[in-house]
PDB file of all heavy atoms in Angstrom:
ATOM      1  N   TRP A   1      10.979   1.436 -13.400  1.00  0.00           N
ATOM      2  CA  TRP A   1      12.196   0.758 -13.329  1.00  0.00           C
ATOM      3  C   TRP A   1      12.719   0.615 -11.821  1.00  0.00           C
ATOM      4  O   TRP A   1      12.286   1.392 -10.937  1.00  0.00           O
ATOM      5  CB  TRP A   1      13.339   1.373 -14.221  1.00  0.00           C
ATOM      6  CG  TRP A   1      13.515   2.697 -13.874  1.00  0.00           C
ATOM      7  CD1 TRP A   1      12.824   3.942 -14.348  1.00  0.00           C
ATOM      8  CD2 TRP A   1      14.658   3.284 -13.048  1.00  0.00           C
ATOM      9  NE1 TRP A   1      13.421   5.085 -13.738  1.00  0.00           N
ATOM     10  CE2 TRP A   1      14.515   4.681 -12.924  1.00  0.00           C
ATOM     11  CE3 TRP A   1      15.620   2.648 -12.344  1.00  0.00           C
ATOM     12  CZ2 TRP A   1      15.348   5.499 -12.271  1.00  0.00           C
ATOM     13  CZ3 TRP A   1      16.472   3.415 -11.505  1.00  0.00           C
ATOM     14  CH2 TRP A   1      16.410   4.846 -11.389  1.00  0.00           C
ATOM     15  N   TRP A   2      13.620  -0.369 -11.609  1.00  0.00           N
ATOM     16  CA  TRP A   2      14.439  -0.651 -10.425  1.00  0.00           C
ATOM     17  C   TRP A   2      15.799  -1.072 -10.758  1.00  0.00           C
ATOM     18  O   TRP A   2      15.966  -1.885 -11.501  1.00  0.00           O
ATOM     19  CB  TRP A   2      13.638  -1.430  -9.534  1.00  0.00           C
ATOM     20  CG  TRP A   2      14.245  -1.513  -8.095  1.00  0.00           C
ATOM     21  CD1 TRP A   2      14.085  -0.617  -7.061  1.00  0.00           C
ATOM     22  CD2 TRP A   2      15.133  -2.495  -7.598  1.00  0.00           C
ATOM     23  NE1 TRP A   2      14.936  -1.045  -6.008  1.00  0.00           N
ATOM     24  CE2 TRP A   2      15.469  -2.107  -6.283  1.00  0.00           C
ATOM     25  CE3 TRP A   2      15.565  -3.707  -8.216  1.00  0.00           C
ATOM     26  CZ2 TRP A   2      16.349  -2.868  -5.566  1.00  0.00           C
ATOM     27  CZ3 TRP A   2      16.481  -4.477  -7.296  1.00  0.00           C
ATOM     28  CH2 TRP A   2      16.791  -4.060  -6.084  1.00  0.00           C
ATOM     29  N   LEU A   3      16.727  -0.526 -10.000  1.00  0.00           N
ATOM     30  CA  LEU A   3      18.110  -0.937 -10.219  1.00  0.00           C
ATOM     31  C   LEU A   3      18.634  -1.239  -8.814  1.00  0.00           C
ATOM     32  O   LEU A   3      18.513  -0.713  -7.745  1.00  0.00           O
ATOM     33  CB  LEU A   3      18.904   0.306 -10.585  1.00  0.00           C
ATOM     34  CG  LEU A   3      20.574   0.137 -10.667  1.00  0.00           C
ATOM     35  CD1 LEU A   3      20.847  -0.901 -11.694  1.00  0.00           C
ATOM     36  CD2 LEU A   3      21.270   1.404 -10.966  1.00  0.00           C
ATOM     37  N   ASN A   4      19.254  -2.542  -8.863  1.00  0.00           N
ATOM     38  CA  ASN A   4      19.826  -3.086  -7.571  1.00  0.00           C
ATOM     39  C   ASN A   4      21.162  -2.426  -7.181  1.00  0.00           C
ATOM     40  O   ASN A   4      22.268  -3.048  -7.296  1.00  0.00           O
ATOM     41  CB  ASN A   4      19.969  -4.622  -7.645  1.00  0.00           C
ATOM     42  CG  ASN A   4      20.383  -5.336  -6.348  1.00  0.00           C
ATOM     43  OD1 ASN A   4      20.054  -4.649  -5.311  1.00  0.00           O
ATOM     44  ND2 ASN A   4      20.711  -6.595  -6.359  1.00  0.00           N
ATOM     45  N   ASP A   5      21.058  -1.168  -6.833  1.00  0.00           N
ATOM     46  CA  ASP A   5      22.190  -0.458  -6.388  1.00  0.00           C
ATOM     47  C   ASP A   5      22.424  -0.663  -4.807  1.00  0.00           C
ATOM     48  O   ASP A   5      21.831  -0.018  -3.990  1.00  0.00           O
ATOM     49  CB  ASP A   5      22.052   1.013  -6.641  1.00  0.00           C
ATOM     50  CG  ASP A   5      23.194   1.900  -6.239  1.00  0.00           C
ATOM     51  OD1 ASP A   5      24.290   1.214  -5.866  1.00  0.00           O
ATOM     52  OD2 ASP A   5      23.076   3.001  -6.150  1.00  0.00           O
ATOM     53  N   LYS A   6      23.161  -1.688  -4.356  1.00  0.00           N
ATOM     54  CA  LYS A   6      23.285  -2.100  -3.075  1.00  0.00           C
ATOM     55  C   LYS A   6      21.870  -2.127  -2.393  1.00  0.00           C
ATOM     56  O   LYS A   6      21.749  -1.717  -1.142  1.00  0.00           O
ATOM     57  CB  LYS A   6      24.149  -0.907  -2.352  1.00  0.00           C
ATOM     58  CG  LYS A   6      25.559  -0.903  -2.805  1.00  0.00           C
ATOM     59  CD  LYS A   6      26.430   0.248  -2.073  1.00  0.00           C
ATOM     60  CE  LYS A   6      27.875   0.205  -2.592  1.00  0.00           C
ATOM     61  NZ  LYS A   6      28.577   1.224  -1.999  1.00  0.00           N
ATOM     62  N   GLY A   7      21.026  -2.965  -2.898  1.00  0.00           N
ATOM     63  CA  GLY A   7      19.676  -3.064  -2.426  1.00  0.00           C
ATOM     64  C   GLY A   7      19.583  -3.802  -1.014  1.00  0.00           C
ATOM     65  O   GLY A   7      18.729  -3.643  -0.359  1.00  0.00           O
ATOM     66  N   TYR A   8      20.820  -4.599  -0.734  1.00  0.00           N
ATOM     67  CA  TYR A   8      20.760  -5.253   0.586  1.00  0.00           C
ATOM     68  C   TYR A   8      20.679  -4.205   1.653  1.00  0.00           C
ATOM     69  O   TYR A   8      20.369  -4.583   2.808  1.00  0.00           O
ATOM     70  CB  TYR A   8      22.044  -6.076   0.641  1.00  0.00           C
ATOM     71  CG  TYR A   8      23.311  -5.396   0.445  1.00  0.00           C
ATOM     72  CD1 TYR A   8      23.897  -4.827   1.448  1.00  0.00           C
ATOM     73  CD2 TYR A   8      23.973  -5.388  -0.836  1.00  0.00           C
ATOM     74  CE1 TYR A   8      25.250  -4.178   1.318  1.00  0.00           C
ATOM     75  CE2 TYR A   8      25.178  -4.708  -1.079  1.00  0.00           C
ATOM     76  CZ  TYR A   8      25.827  -4.115  -0.044  1.00  0.00           C
ATOM     77  OH  TYR A   8      26.887  -3.360  -0.170  1.00  0.00           O
ATOM     78  N   LEU A   9      21.244  -2.980   1.497  1.00  0.00           N
ATOM     79  CA  LEU A   9      21.186  -2.039   2.530  1.00  0.00           C
ATOM     80  C   LEU A   9      19.710  -1.776   3.007  1.00  0.00           C
ATOM     81  O   LEU A   9      19.486  -1.420   4.089  1.00  0.00           O
ATOM     82  CB  LEU A   9      21.890  -0.774   2.044  1.00  0.00           C
ATOM     83  CG  LEU A   9      23.261  -0.716   1.658  1.00  0.00           C
ATOM     84  CD1 LEU A   9      23.786   0.551   1.281  1.00  0.00           C
ATOM     85  CD2 LEU A   9      24.121  -1.122   3.019  1.00  0.00           C
ATOM     86  N   GLY A  10      18.835  -1.974   2.016  1.00  0.00           N
ATOM     87  CA  GLY A  10      17.448  -1.651   2.437  1.00  0.00           C
ATOM     88  C   GLY A  10      16.942  -2.745   3.457  1.00  0.00           C
ATOM     89  O   GLY A  10      16.315  -2.406   4.394  1.00  0.00           O
ATOM     90  N   MET A  11      17.363  -3.963   3.257  1.00  0.00           N
ATOM     91  CA  MET A  11      16.946  -5.068   4.167  1.00  0.00           C
ATOM     92  C   MET A  11      17.722  -4.835   5.403  1.00  0.00           C
ATOM     93  O   MET A  11      17.106  -5.156   6.598  1.00  0.00           O
ATOM     94  CB  MET A  11      17.333  -6.419   3.593  1.00  0.00           C
ATOM     95  CG  MET A  11      16.208  -6.956   2.665  1.00  0.00           C
ATOM     96  SD  MET A  11      16.253  -6.377   0.975  1.00  0.00           S
ATOM     97  CE  MET A  11      17.559  -7.449   0.265  1.00  0.00           C
ATOM     98  N   GLN A  12      18.995  -4.504   5.475  1.00  0.00           N
ATOM     99  CA  GLN A  12      19.576  -4.269   6.717  1.00  0.00           C
ATOM    100  C   GLN A  12      18.893  -3.178   7.494  1.00  0.00           C
ATOM    101  O   GLN A  12      18.901  -3.279   8.794  1.00  0.00           O
ATOM    102  CB  GLN A  12      21.028  -3.787   6.401  1.00  0.00           C
ATOM    103  CG  GLN A  12      21.918  -5.079   5.777  1.00  0.00           C
ATOM    104  CD  GLN A  12      23.418  -4.488   5.343  1.00  0.00           C
ATOM    105  OE1 GLN A  12      23.750  -3.354   5.530  1.00  0.00           O
ATOM    106  NE2 GLN A  12      24.093  -5.453   5.042  1.00  0.00           N
ATOM    107  N   ARG A  13      18.579  -2.000   6.944  1.00  0.00           N
ATOM    108  CA  ARG A  13      17.899  -1.019   7.618  1.00  0.00           C
ATOM    109  C   ARG A  13      16.557  -1.512   8.222  1.00  0.00           C
ATOM    110  O   ARG A  13      16.305  -1.171   9.375  1.00  0.00           O
ATOM    111  CB  ARG A  13      17.615   0.299   6.697  1.00  0.00           C
ATOM    112  CG  ARG A  13      17.102   1.534   7.535  1.00  0.00           C
ATOM    113  CD  ARG A  13      16.914   2.739   6.813  1.00  0.00           C
ATOM    114  NE  ARG A  13      16.076   2.780   5.777  1.00  0.00           N
ATOM    115  CZ  ARG A  13      15.260   3.875   5.553  1.00  0.00           C
ATOM    116  NH1 ARG A  13      15.372   5.031   6.244  1.00  0.00           N
ATOM    117  NH2 ARG A  13      14.509   3.767   4.481  1.00  0.00           N
ATOM    118  N   ILE A  14      15.757  -2.196   7.360  1.00  0.00           N
ATOM    119  CA  ILE A  14      14.544  -2.623   7.836  1.00  0.00           C
ATOM    120  C   ILE A  14      14.722  -3.555   9.036  1.00  0.00           C
ATOM    121  O   ILE A  14      13.959  -3.475  10.046  1.00  0.00           O
ATOM    122  CB  ILE A  14      13.780  -3.481   6.697  1.00  0.00           C
ATOM    123  CG1 ILE A  14      13.387  -2.525   5.545  1.00  0.00           C
ATOM    124  CG2 ILE A  14      12.545  -4.157   7.157  1.00  0.00           C
ATOM    125  CD1 ILE A  14      13.028  -3.263   4.331  1.00  0.00           C
ATOM    126  N   LEU A  15      15.593  -4.503   8.981  1.00  0.00           N
ATOM    127  CA  LEU A  15      15.964  -5.327  10.116  1.00  0.00           C
ATOM    128  C   LEU A  15      16.236  -4.631  11.458  1.00  0.00           C
ATOM    129  O   LEU A  15      15.708  -4.895  12.365  1.00  0.00           O
ATOM    130  CB  LEU A  15      17.036  -6.391   9.769  1.00  0.00           C
ATOM    131  CG  LEU A  15      17.368  -7.340  10.828  1.00  0.00           C
ATOM    132  CD1 LEU A  15      16.129  -8.308  11.118  1.00  0.00           C
ATOM    133  CD2 LEU A  15      18.582  -8.053  10.518  1.00  0.00           C
ATOM    134  N   LEU A  16      17.028  -3.541  11.220  1.00  0.00           N
ATOM    135  CA  LEU A  16      17.499  -2.820  12.460  1.00  0.00           C
ATOM    136  C   LEU A  16      16.088  -2.122  13.127  1.00  0.00           C
ATOM    137  O   LEU A  16      15.956  -2.202  14.352  1.00  0.00           O
ATOM    138  CB  LEU A  16      18.468  -1.697  12.177  1.00  0.00           C
ATOM    139  CG  LEU A  16      19.888  -2.320  11.822  1.00  0.00           C
ATOM    140  CD1 LEU A  16      20.867  -1.132  11.465  1.00  0.00           C
ATOM    141  CD2 LEU A  16      20.454  -2.967  13.038  1.00  0.00           C
ATOM    142  N   VAL A  17      15.344  -1.577  12.310  1.00  0.00           N
ATOM    143  CA  VAL A  17      14.207  -0.870  12.651  1.00  0.00           C
ATOM    144  C   VAL A  17      13.158  -1.920  13.441  1.00  0.00           C
ATOM    145  O   VAL A  17      12.627  -1.737  14.488  1.00  0.00           O
ATOM    146  CB  VAL A  17      13.371  -0.126  11.661  1.00  0.00           C
ATOM    147  CG1 VAL A  17      12.254   0.599  12.225  1.00  0.00           C
ATOM    148  CG2 VAL A  17      14.358   1.003  11.157  1.00  0.00           C
ATOM    149  N   LEU A  18      13.034  -3.073  12.730  1.00  0.00           N
ATOM    150  CA  LEU A  18      12.083  -3.975  13.140  1.00  0.00           C
ATOM    151  C   LEU A  18      12.611  -4.645  14.488  1.00  0.00           C
ATOM    152  O   LEU A  18      11.887  -4.726  15.420  1.00  0.00           O
ATOM    153  CB  LEU A  18      12.070  -5.104  12.139  1.00  0.00           C
ATOM    154  CG  LEU A  18      11.308  -6.456  12.606  1.00  0.00           C
ATOM    155  CD1 LEU A  18       9.799  -6.025  12.905  1.00  0.00           C
ATOM    156  CD2 LEU A  18      11.275  -7.379  11.437  1.00  0.00           C
ATOM    157  N   LEU A  19      13.864  -5.003  14.723  1.00  0.00           N
ATOM    158  CA  LEU A  19      14.475  -5.439  15.943  1.00  0.00           C
ATOM    159  C   LEU A  19      14.355  -4.462  17.023  1.00  0.00           C
ATOM    160  O   LEU A  19      14.174  -4.783  18.158  1.00  0.00           O
ATOM    161  CB  LEU A  19      15.875  -6.006  15.647  1.00  0.00           C
ATOM    162  CG  LEU A  19      15.992  -7.119  14.754  1.00  0.00           C
ATOM    163  CD1 LEU A  19      17.526  -7.504  14.519  1.00  0.00           C
ATOM    164  CD2 LEU A  19      15.212  -8.377  15.228  1.00  0.00           C
ATOM    165  N   ALA A  20      14.616  -3.093  16.815  1.00  0.00           N
ATOM    166  CA  ALA A  20      14.479  -2.125  17.756  1.00  0.00           C
ATOM    167  C   ALA A  20      12.977  -1.996  18.249  1.00  0.00           C
ATOM    168  O   ALA A  20      12.822  -1.868  19.513  1.00  0.00           O
ATOM    169  CB  ALA A  20      14.879  -0.737  17.181  1.00  0.00           C
ATOM    170  N   GLU A  21      12.022  -2.298  17.399  1.00  0.00           N
ATOM    171  CA  GLU A  21      10.634  -2.186  17.826  1.00  0.00           C
ATOM    172  C   GLU A  21      10.254  -3.575  18.497  1.00  0.00           C
ATOM    173  O   GLU A  21       9.535  -3.529  19.394  1.00  0.00           O
ATOM    174  CB  GLU A  21       9.615  -1.916  16.603  1.00  0.00           C
ATOM    175  CG  GLU A  21       9.752  -0.457  16.135  1.00  0.00           C
ATOM    176  CD  GLU A  21       9.189   0.442  17.183  1.00  0.00           C
ATOM    177  OE1 GLU A  21       8.100   0.173  17.601  1.00  0.00           O
ATOM    178  OE2 GLU A  21       9.815   1.371  17.672  1.00  0.00           O
ATOM    179  N   ALA A  22      10.726  -4.587  17.879  1.00  0.00           N
ATOM    180  CA  ALA A  22      10.252  -5.991  18.539  1.00  0.00           C
ATOM    181  C   ALA A  22      11.009  -6.528  19.524  1.00  0.00           C
ATOM    182  O   ALA A  22      10.605  -7.413  20.315  1.00  0.00           O
ATOM    183  CB  ALA A  22      10.239  -6.962  17.259  1.00  0.00           C
ATOM    184  N   GLY A  23      12.312  -5.939  19.791  1.00  0.00           N
ATOM    185  CA  GLY A  23      13.208  -6.472  20.912  1.00  0.00           C
ATOM    186  C   GLY A  23      13.821  -7.719  20.451  1.00  0.00           C
ATOM    187  O   GLY A  23      13.243  -8.627  20.114  1.00  0.00           O
ATOM    188  N   LEU A  24      15.321  -7.583  20.389  1.00  0.00           N
ATOM    189  CA  LEU A  24      16.031  -8.784  20.051  1.00  0.00           C
ATOM    190  C   LEU A  24      16.265  -9.633  21.410  1.00  0.00           C
ATOM    191  O   LEU A  24      16.753  -9.194  22.460  1.00  0.00           O
ATOM    192  CB  LEU A  24      17.431  -8.239  19.567  1.00  0.00           C
ATOM    193  CG  LEU A  24      18.450  -9.416  19.209  1.00  0.00           C
ATOM    194  CD1 LEU A  24      17.916 -10.233  18.237  1.00  0.00           C
ATOM    195  CD2 LEU A  24      19.780  -8.850  18.844  1.00  0.00           C
ATOM    196  N   ASP A  25      15.860 -10.852  21.290  1.00  0.00           N
ATOM    197  CA  ASP A  25      16.010 -11.785  22.427  1.00  0.00           C
ATOM    198  C   ASP A  25      17.511 -12.254  22.696  1.00  0.00           C
ATOM    199  O   ASP A  25      18.152 -12.729  21.703  1.00  0.00           O
ATOM    200  CB  ASP A  25      15.261 -12.992  22.221  1.00  0.00           C
ATOM    201  CG  ASP A  25      15.439 -14.008  23.362  1.00  0.00           C
ATOM    202  OD1 ASP A  25      15.847 -13.669  24.405  1.00  0.00           O
ATOM    203  OD2 ASP A  25      15.365 -15.259  22.981  1.00  0.00           O
ATOM    204  N   LYS A  26      18.064 -11.715  23.676  1.00  0.00           N
ATOM    205  CA  LYS A  26      19.525 -12.094  23.964  1.00  0.00           C
ATOM    206  C   LYS A  26      19.757 -13.074  25.021  1.00  0.00           C
ATOM    207  O   LYS A  26      20.868 -13.252  25.628  1.00  0.00           O
ATOM    208  CB  LYS A  26      20.303 -10.736  24.371  1.00  0.00           C
ATOM    209  CG  LYS A  26      20.179  -9.613  23.271  1.00  0.00           C
ATOM    210  CD  LYS A  26      20.707  -8.331  23.798  1.00  0.00           C
ATOM    211  CE  LYS A  26      20.505  -7.283  22.961  1.00  0.00           C
ATOM    212  NZ  LYS A  26      20.963  -5.928  23.410  1.00  0.00           N
ATOM    213  N   GLY A  27      18.690 -13.916  25.380  1.00  0.00           N
ATOM    214  CA  GLY A  27      18.660 -14.810  26.442  1.00  0.00           C
ATOM    215  C   GLY A  27      19.249 -16.102  26.055  1.00  0.00           C
ATOM    216  O   GLY A  27      20.480 -16.198  25.614  1.00  0.00           O
TER     217      GLY A  27
END
């Protein structure tokens, strides 16, 4: 089973880790 208990927080955390590793273009 899976319950969508603020599941969007998972994507937010993934994005932060990904951008920290990949570098956010601020140009």
